[in-house]
Each structure stands twice: as C-alpha cells, then as structure tokens.
Amino acid sequence: MNVAIIVAAGQGSRMGGDCPKQFMELAGVPVIIHTLNAFEQCDEIDEVVVVLPPGESANFLSLASKHRVRKVTKVVGGGSTRADSVKRGLDTIRSATAEIIAVHDGVRPLVDADEISKVVNAAREHGAALLAGPVTDTIKQVDGEKIVGTLERSSLRRALTPQCFQYQILKRAFEQVDVTDPSLTDESVLVERQGVIVMIVEGSSRNIKITTREDLALAEAMIRMKAVGRKQ
C-alpha cells in the first residue's frame, strides 16, 4: 500500500493574517484541497495522512467532507519542526502493509497526478526518489557580503515534493536523527545520510510552494491559464 503524508502543519506567519496559508482560498478552493485533489487523482496513492497545526482538525474535516476528499484516513497534529511533523505522520502508518511513502508539502497545490506517479514508481524501483526542478538563476557562493565563487548550475537542482521512499528506508532514516533540528528541511537529506542513493524525477516549474501572497497570486494565474488552455 502506498501512502502519502501531506505536511501542512505550518502557521504561515510570512503570509500575515489569522488564516494559515494552507486554508487560504486559491481560485475559490482552499490550497490544501487543491493539493489533496492531485493525490485523489493519482492511482498510485492508496491512502493519505494529513499533518496539520494542532487545533485545525475540525476545520479540515469539514472541508474534506465538503470537497469529497476520499483517500484521507488519518489527521495528525504537527510537531515543532518539519521533521517532527513528518515523523508523527509516519508513525501512524502500519508497517505490515506500507510500501511507498510519498511526502508532500501541503502548500504545493499545483503538483499533478502524473508527476506523483512517476516519483512513486522511481522509488519503487530504486528505493528513494524526489521531484526536482532546474536552477535557472546564476548561483553565487558568498562569505559575508563577498562573493567567493559561482556554482555550475547545470549540476544543481531544486528539491521539490513529493519525495518518495520505500517505507523501511524512510523509517530507518528517522530513527537516526533528532527531529527537533530545524535544519532538517526535507526527507531526502535524512535518507542520503544513510548512504541511500536518491534518484531525481524532473518536475514542472508550475509546482511552486505557497509561501507569500505573491506566490498565491502566481498560483491563481497559473490555474486560470490552464483553464483557458483546456477551452481552446
């Protein structure tokens, strides 16, 4: 059984306001519902565990029912860090039936089902895989305010989500770390430390993370452009 852990436990302080960004409306639908719909449409995903800020479960369950989200089997309160939140979700999954675990940011609402399937299949074959995007800007290495080098961007990739792993690989990786460490910003780094090779699957530039209100506006524009394309 393949299970997705949707990490949506952040408070979204950079967005301002009282509403966490995962519950803000995007084209008339909450961001988290857009995200979940992609996993609903992906045949490779059997169940979904959603990790939320403590106290948001009732609000989410109401939304999930309204928008007919069917694959969510568990809702878990998040921890103090991303790694803590992912581990809490992972701990709810039955080891006897778990195969591939897909970890995805709840505020990446524009991922599509095909991308998810490709990463799941890569992890099934190789053990670990993540969606990645090209680096289009020139990247400088700095020391204080001084540039000390320029990195070759052809060998660089932006780590996106989902990141997918065979269950035992991810479970073992989490047993080796302090999940309260805020520097653990993705799951791949934990697996890499175990000597596991993580494969990449090239992803779409549409798969942005909603961090600011500008990101929200950009995502809405992308949704509108896609809708126009379908009509033409």
Protein backbone atom coordinates (compact mmCIF):
# COMPACT_ATOMS: atom_id res chain seq x y z
CA MET A 1 0.00 0.00 0.00
CA ASN A 2 1.32 3.43 -0.97
CA VAL A 3 0.63 6.23 1.49
CA ALA A 4 1.07 9.98 1.08
CA ILE A 5 1.94 12.16 4.05
CA ILE A 6 0.75 15.70 3.35
CA VAL A 7 2.69 18.07 5.57
CA ALA A 8 0.54 21.11 6.31
CA ALA A 9 1.43 21.88 9.90
CA GLY A 10 2.86 25.37 9.41
CA GLN A 11 1.21 28.52 10.70
CA GLY A 12 2.11 30.57 7.61
CA SER A 13 3.41 33.58 9.54
CA ARG A 14 5.02 35.13 6.45
CA MET A 15 1.60 35.41 4.81
CA GLY A 16 0.18 37.58 7.58
CA GLY A 17 -3.40 37.40 8.86
CA ASP A 18 -5.05 34.80 11.07
CA CYS A 19 -5.68 32.09 8.48
CA PRO A 20 -2.90 29.52 7.92
CA LYS A 21 -1.83 29.60 4.26
CA GLN A 22 -2.93 26.01 3.62
CA PHE A 23 -6.52 27.10 4.28
CA MET A 24 -6.42 30.27 2.20
CA GLU A 25 -8.54 30.25 -0.92
CA LEU A 26 -6.92 29.68 -4.30
CA ALA A 27 -9.32 30.09 -7.24
CA GLY A 28 -12.20 29.70 -4.79
CA VAL A 29 -10.91 26.50 -3.18
CA PRO A 30 -8.59 26.13 -0.14
CA VAL A 31 -4.95 25.48 -1.02
CA ILE A 32 -4.91 22.18 0.90
CA ILE A 33 -7.87 20.87 -1.12
CA HIS A 34 -6.10 21.61 -4.42
CA THR A 35 -3.14 19.63 -3.08
CA LEU A 36 -5.25 16.70 -1.95
CA ASN A 37 -7.12 16.56 -5.23
CA ALA A 38 -3.89 15.75 -7.06
CA PHE A 39 -3.39 12.73 -4.79
CA GLU A 40 -7.05 11.77 -5.14
CA GLN A 41 -6.50 11.59 -8.89
CA CYS A 42 -3.28 9.55 -8.64
CA ASP A 43 -3.90 5.81 -8.93
CA GLU A 44 -0.53 5.06 -7.32
CA ILE A 45 -1.64 6.52 -3.97
CA ASP A 46 -3.95 4.39 -1.81
CA GLU A 47 -4.22 6.43 1.39
CA VAL A 48 -3.36 9.91 2.64
CA VAL A 49 -2.28 11.08 6.09
CA VAL A 50 -2.62 14.83 6.66
CA VAL A 51 -0.46 16.59 9.26
CA LEU A 52 -1.99 19.86 10.46
CA PRO A 53 -1.43 22.53 13.10
CA PRO A 54 -2.90 21.44 16.43
CA GLY A 55 -6.49 22.59 16.67
CA GLU A 56 -7.20 22.64 12.92
CA SER A 57 -8.55 19.09 12.59
CA ALA A 58 -12.22 20.00 12.88
CA ASN A 59 -11.91 22.76 10.29
CA PHE A 60 -10.09 20.43 7.93
CA LEU A 61 -12.54 17.53 8.30
CA SER A 62 -15.38 19.87 7.41
CA LEU A 63 -13.53 21.00 4.28
CA ALA A 64 -12.62 17.44 3.31
CA SER A 65 -16.23 16.37 3.55
CA LYS A 66 -17.46 19.37 1.57
CA HIS A 67 -14.96 18.76 -1.24
CA ARG A 68 -15.40 14.98 -1.25
CA VAL A 69 -11.85 14.07 -0.34
CA ARG A 70 -11.92 10.27 -0.02
CA LYS A 71 -8.37 8.98 0.49
CA VAL A 72 -7.62 10.73 3.79
CA THR A 73 -7.53 8.07 6.51
CA LYS A 74 -5.80 9.96 9.33
CA VAL A 75 -5.38 13.55 10.51
CA VAL A 76 -2.41 14.16 12.81
CA GLY A 77 -1.31 17.14 14.87
CA GLY A 78 2.04 18.52 13.72
CA GLY A 79 5.21 18.97 15.73
CA SER A 80 7.67 21.80 16.31
CA THR A 81 9.66 21.17 13.11
CA ARG A 82 9.04 19.70 9.68
CA ALA A 83 10.90 16.50 10.57
CA ASP A 84 8.85 16.15 13.75
CA SER A 85 5.62 16.60 11.77
CA VAL A 86 6.60 14.04 9.12
CA LYS A 87 7.61 11.51 11.78
CA ARG A 88 4.27 11.92 13.51
CA GLY A 89 2.54 11.11 10.25
CA LEU A 90 4.90 8.21 9.55
CA ASP A 91 4.27 6.72 12.99
CA THR A 92 0.56 6.28 12.17
CA ILE A 93 1.25 4.07 9.12
CA ARG A 94 1.05 0.29 9.52
CA SER A 95 4.41 -1.26 8.74
CA ALA A 96 2.84 -4.57 7.71
CA THR A 97 1.12 -3.05 4.67
CA ALA A 98 3.25 0.02 3.87
CA GLU A 99 5.19 0.03 0.62
CA ILE A 100 6.00 3.50 -0.76
CA ILE A 101 5.67 6.64 1.36
CA ALA A 102 5.22 9.92 -0.52
CA VAL A 103 5.91 13.09 1.49
CA HIS A 104 4.48 16.26 0.01
CA ASP A 105 4.17 19.89 1.10
CA GLY A 106 0.54 20.78 1.70
CA VAL A 107 1.17 24.18 0.16
CA ARG A 108 2.34 22.85 -3.21
CA PRO A 109 -1.13 22.76 -4.77
CA LEU A 110 -0.11 22.63 -8.45
CA VAL A 111 1.59 19.22 -8.49
CA ASP A 112 -0.22 16.85 -10.83
CA ALA A 113 -1.10 13.17 -10.60
CA ASP A 114 1.31 12.16 -13.36
CA GLU A 115 4.28 13.70 -11.52
CA ILE A 116 3.29 11.89 -8.34
CA SER A 117 3.05 8.57 -10.19
CA LYS A 118 6.49 9.00 -11.74
CA VAL A 119 8.17 9.63 -8.38
CA VAL A 120 6.34 6.73 -6.70
CA ASN A 121 7.45 4.38 -9.48
CA ALA A 122 11.05 5.62 -9.30
CA ALA A 123 11.10 4.98 -5.54
CA ARG A 124 9.61 1.53 -6.07
CA GLU A 125 12.46 0.70 -8.45
CA HIS A 126 15.37 2.45 -6.74
CA GLY A 127 14.33 2.84 -3.09
CA ALA A 128 14.18 6.64 -2.99
CA ALA A 129 13.31 9.44 -5.41
CA LEU A 130 12.21 13.03 -5.41
CA LEU A 131 10.72 15.54 -7.80
CA ALA A 132 13.30 18.15 -8.80
CA GLY A 133 13.37 21.37 -10.75
CA PRO A 134 16.19 23.04 -12.70
CA VAL A 135 18.09 26.02 -11.31
CA THR A 136 17.63 28.88 -13.77
CA ASP A 137 19.41 31.68 -11.88
CA THR A 138 23.16 32.02 -11.54
CA ILE A 139 24.06 30.86 -8.01
CA LYS A 140 26.81 32.63 -6.09
CA GLN A 141 28.67 31.28 -3.08
CA VAL A 142 29.25 34.02 -0.51
CA ASP A 143 31.23 34.70 2.63
CA GLY A 144 29.51 37.53 4.48
CA GLU A 145 28.96 40.18 1.81
CA LYS A 146 31.66 38.87 -0.53
CA ILE A 147 31.20 36.54 -3.50
CA VAL A 148 33.74 33.72 -3.23
CA GLY A 149 32.55 31.51 -6.08
CA THR A 150 29.98 30.77 -8.76
CA LEU A 151 28.36 27.34 -8.81
CA GLU A 152 27.83 25.39 -12.02
CA ARG A 153 24.05 25.36 -12.24
CA SER A 154 23.82 22.51 -14.76
CA SER A 155 24.63 20.11 -11.91
CA LEU A 156 22.20 21.73 -9.45
CA ARG A 157 18.52 21.01 -8.88
CA ARG A 158 15.83 22.48 -6.63
CA ALA A 159 14.33 19.82 -4.38
CA LEU A 160 10.56 19.77 -4.84
CA THR A 161 7.93 17.41 -3.49
CA PRO A 162 6.68 14.74 -3.45
CA GLN A 163 9.70 12.90 -2.14
CA CYS A 164 9.08 9.14 -2.14
CA PHE A 165 10.76 6.29 -0.28
CA GLN A 166 10.32 2.63 0.40
CA TYR A 167 8.79 2.51 3.88
CA GLN A 168 11.67 0.76 5.66
CA ILE A 169 14.24 3.19 4.21
CA LEU A 170 12.36 6.24 5.50
CA LYS A 171 11.52 4.64 8.84
CA ARG A 172 15.18 3.74 9.43
CA ALA A 173 16.31 7.26 8.48
CA PHE A 174 14.03 8.84 11.06
CA GLU A 175 15.34 6.55 13.79
CA GLN A 176 18.81 8.11 13.37
CA VAL A 177 18.02 11.83 13.77
CA ASP A 178 16.89 14.48 16.22
CA VAL A 179 13.54 15.51 14.73
CA THR A 180 13.58 18.80 16.64
CA ASP A 181 16.51 20.01 14.49
CA PRO A 182 15.06 22.86 12.35
CA SER A 183 17.82 22.47 9.74
CA LEU A 184 16.25 19.21 8.51
CA THR A 185 14.21 20.82 5.76
CA ASP A 186 13.46 17.75 3.67
CA GLU A 187 13.36 13.97 3.95
CA SER A 188 15.93 13.28 1.25
CA VAL A 189 18.80 14.58 3.38
CA LEU A 190 17.94 12.06 6.12
CA VAL A 191 17.99 9.20 3.63
CA GLU A 192 21.19 10.46 1.97
CA ARG A 193 22.91 10.31 5.36
CA GLN A 194 22.13 6.58 5.47
CA GLY A 195 24.07 6.07 2.24
CA VAL A 196 20.96 5.56 0.13
CA ILE A 197 21.09 6.99 -3.39
CA VAL A 198 18.12 9.24 -4.11
CA MET A 199 17.04 9.44 -7.75
CA ILE A 200 15.52 12.56 -9.28
CA VAL A 201 12.46 12.93 -11.48
CA GLU A 202 12.32 16.18 -13.41
CA GLY A 203 9.27 18.19 -12.34
CA SER A 204 7.28 21.09 -13.71
CA SER A 205 8.08 24.71 -12.87
CA ARG A 206 4.37 25.00 -12.00
CA ASN A 207 4.97 23.06 -8.79
CA ILE A 208 5.56 26.14 -6.65
CA LYS A 209 5.38 26.36 -2.87
CA ILE A 210 2.93 28.91 -1.49
CA THR A 211 4.96 30.98 0.96
CA THR A 212 3.92 34.58 0.29
CA ARG A 213 0.84 36.34 -1.06
CA GLU A 214 2.73 36.85 -4.32
CA ASP A 215 3.02 33.06 -4.61
CA LEU A 216 -0.73 32.77 -4.08
CA ALA A 217 -1.38 35.28 -6.87
CA LEU A 218 1.04 33.44 -9.18
CA ALA A 219 -0.62 30.10 -8.50
CA GLU A 220 -4.03 31.60 -9.25
CA ALA A 221 -2.73 32.97 -12.57
CA MET A 222 -1.37 29.53 -13.47
CA ILE A 223 -4.72 27.90 -12.72
CA ARG A 224 -6.52 30.42 -14.90
CA MET A 225 -4.04 29.90 -17.77
CA LYS A 226 -4.52 26.14 -17.57
CA ALA A 227 -8.30 26.56 -17.65
CA VAL A 228 -8.07 28.78 -20.72
CA GLY A 229 -5.83 26.20 -22.41
CA ARG A 230 -8.42 23.49 -21.86
CA LYS A 231 -11.13 25.57 -23.52
CA GLN A 232 -9.07 26.30 -26.63
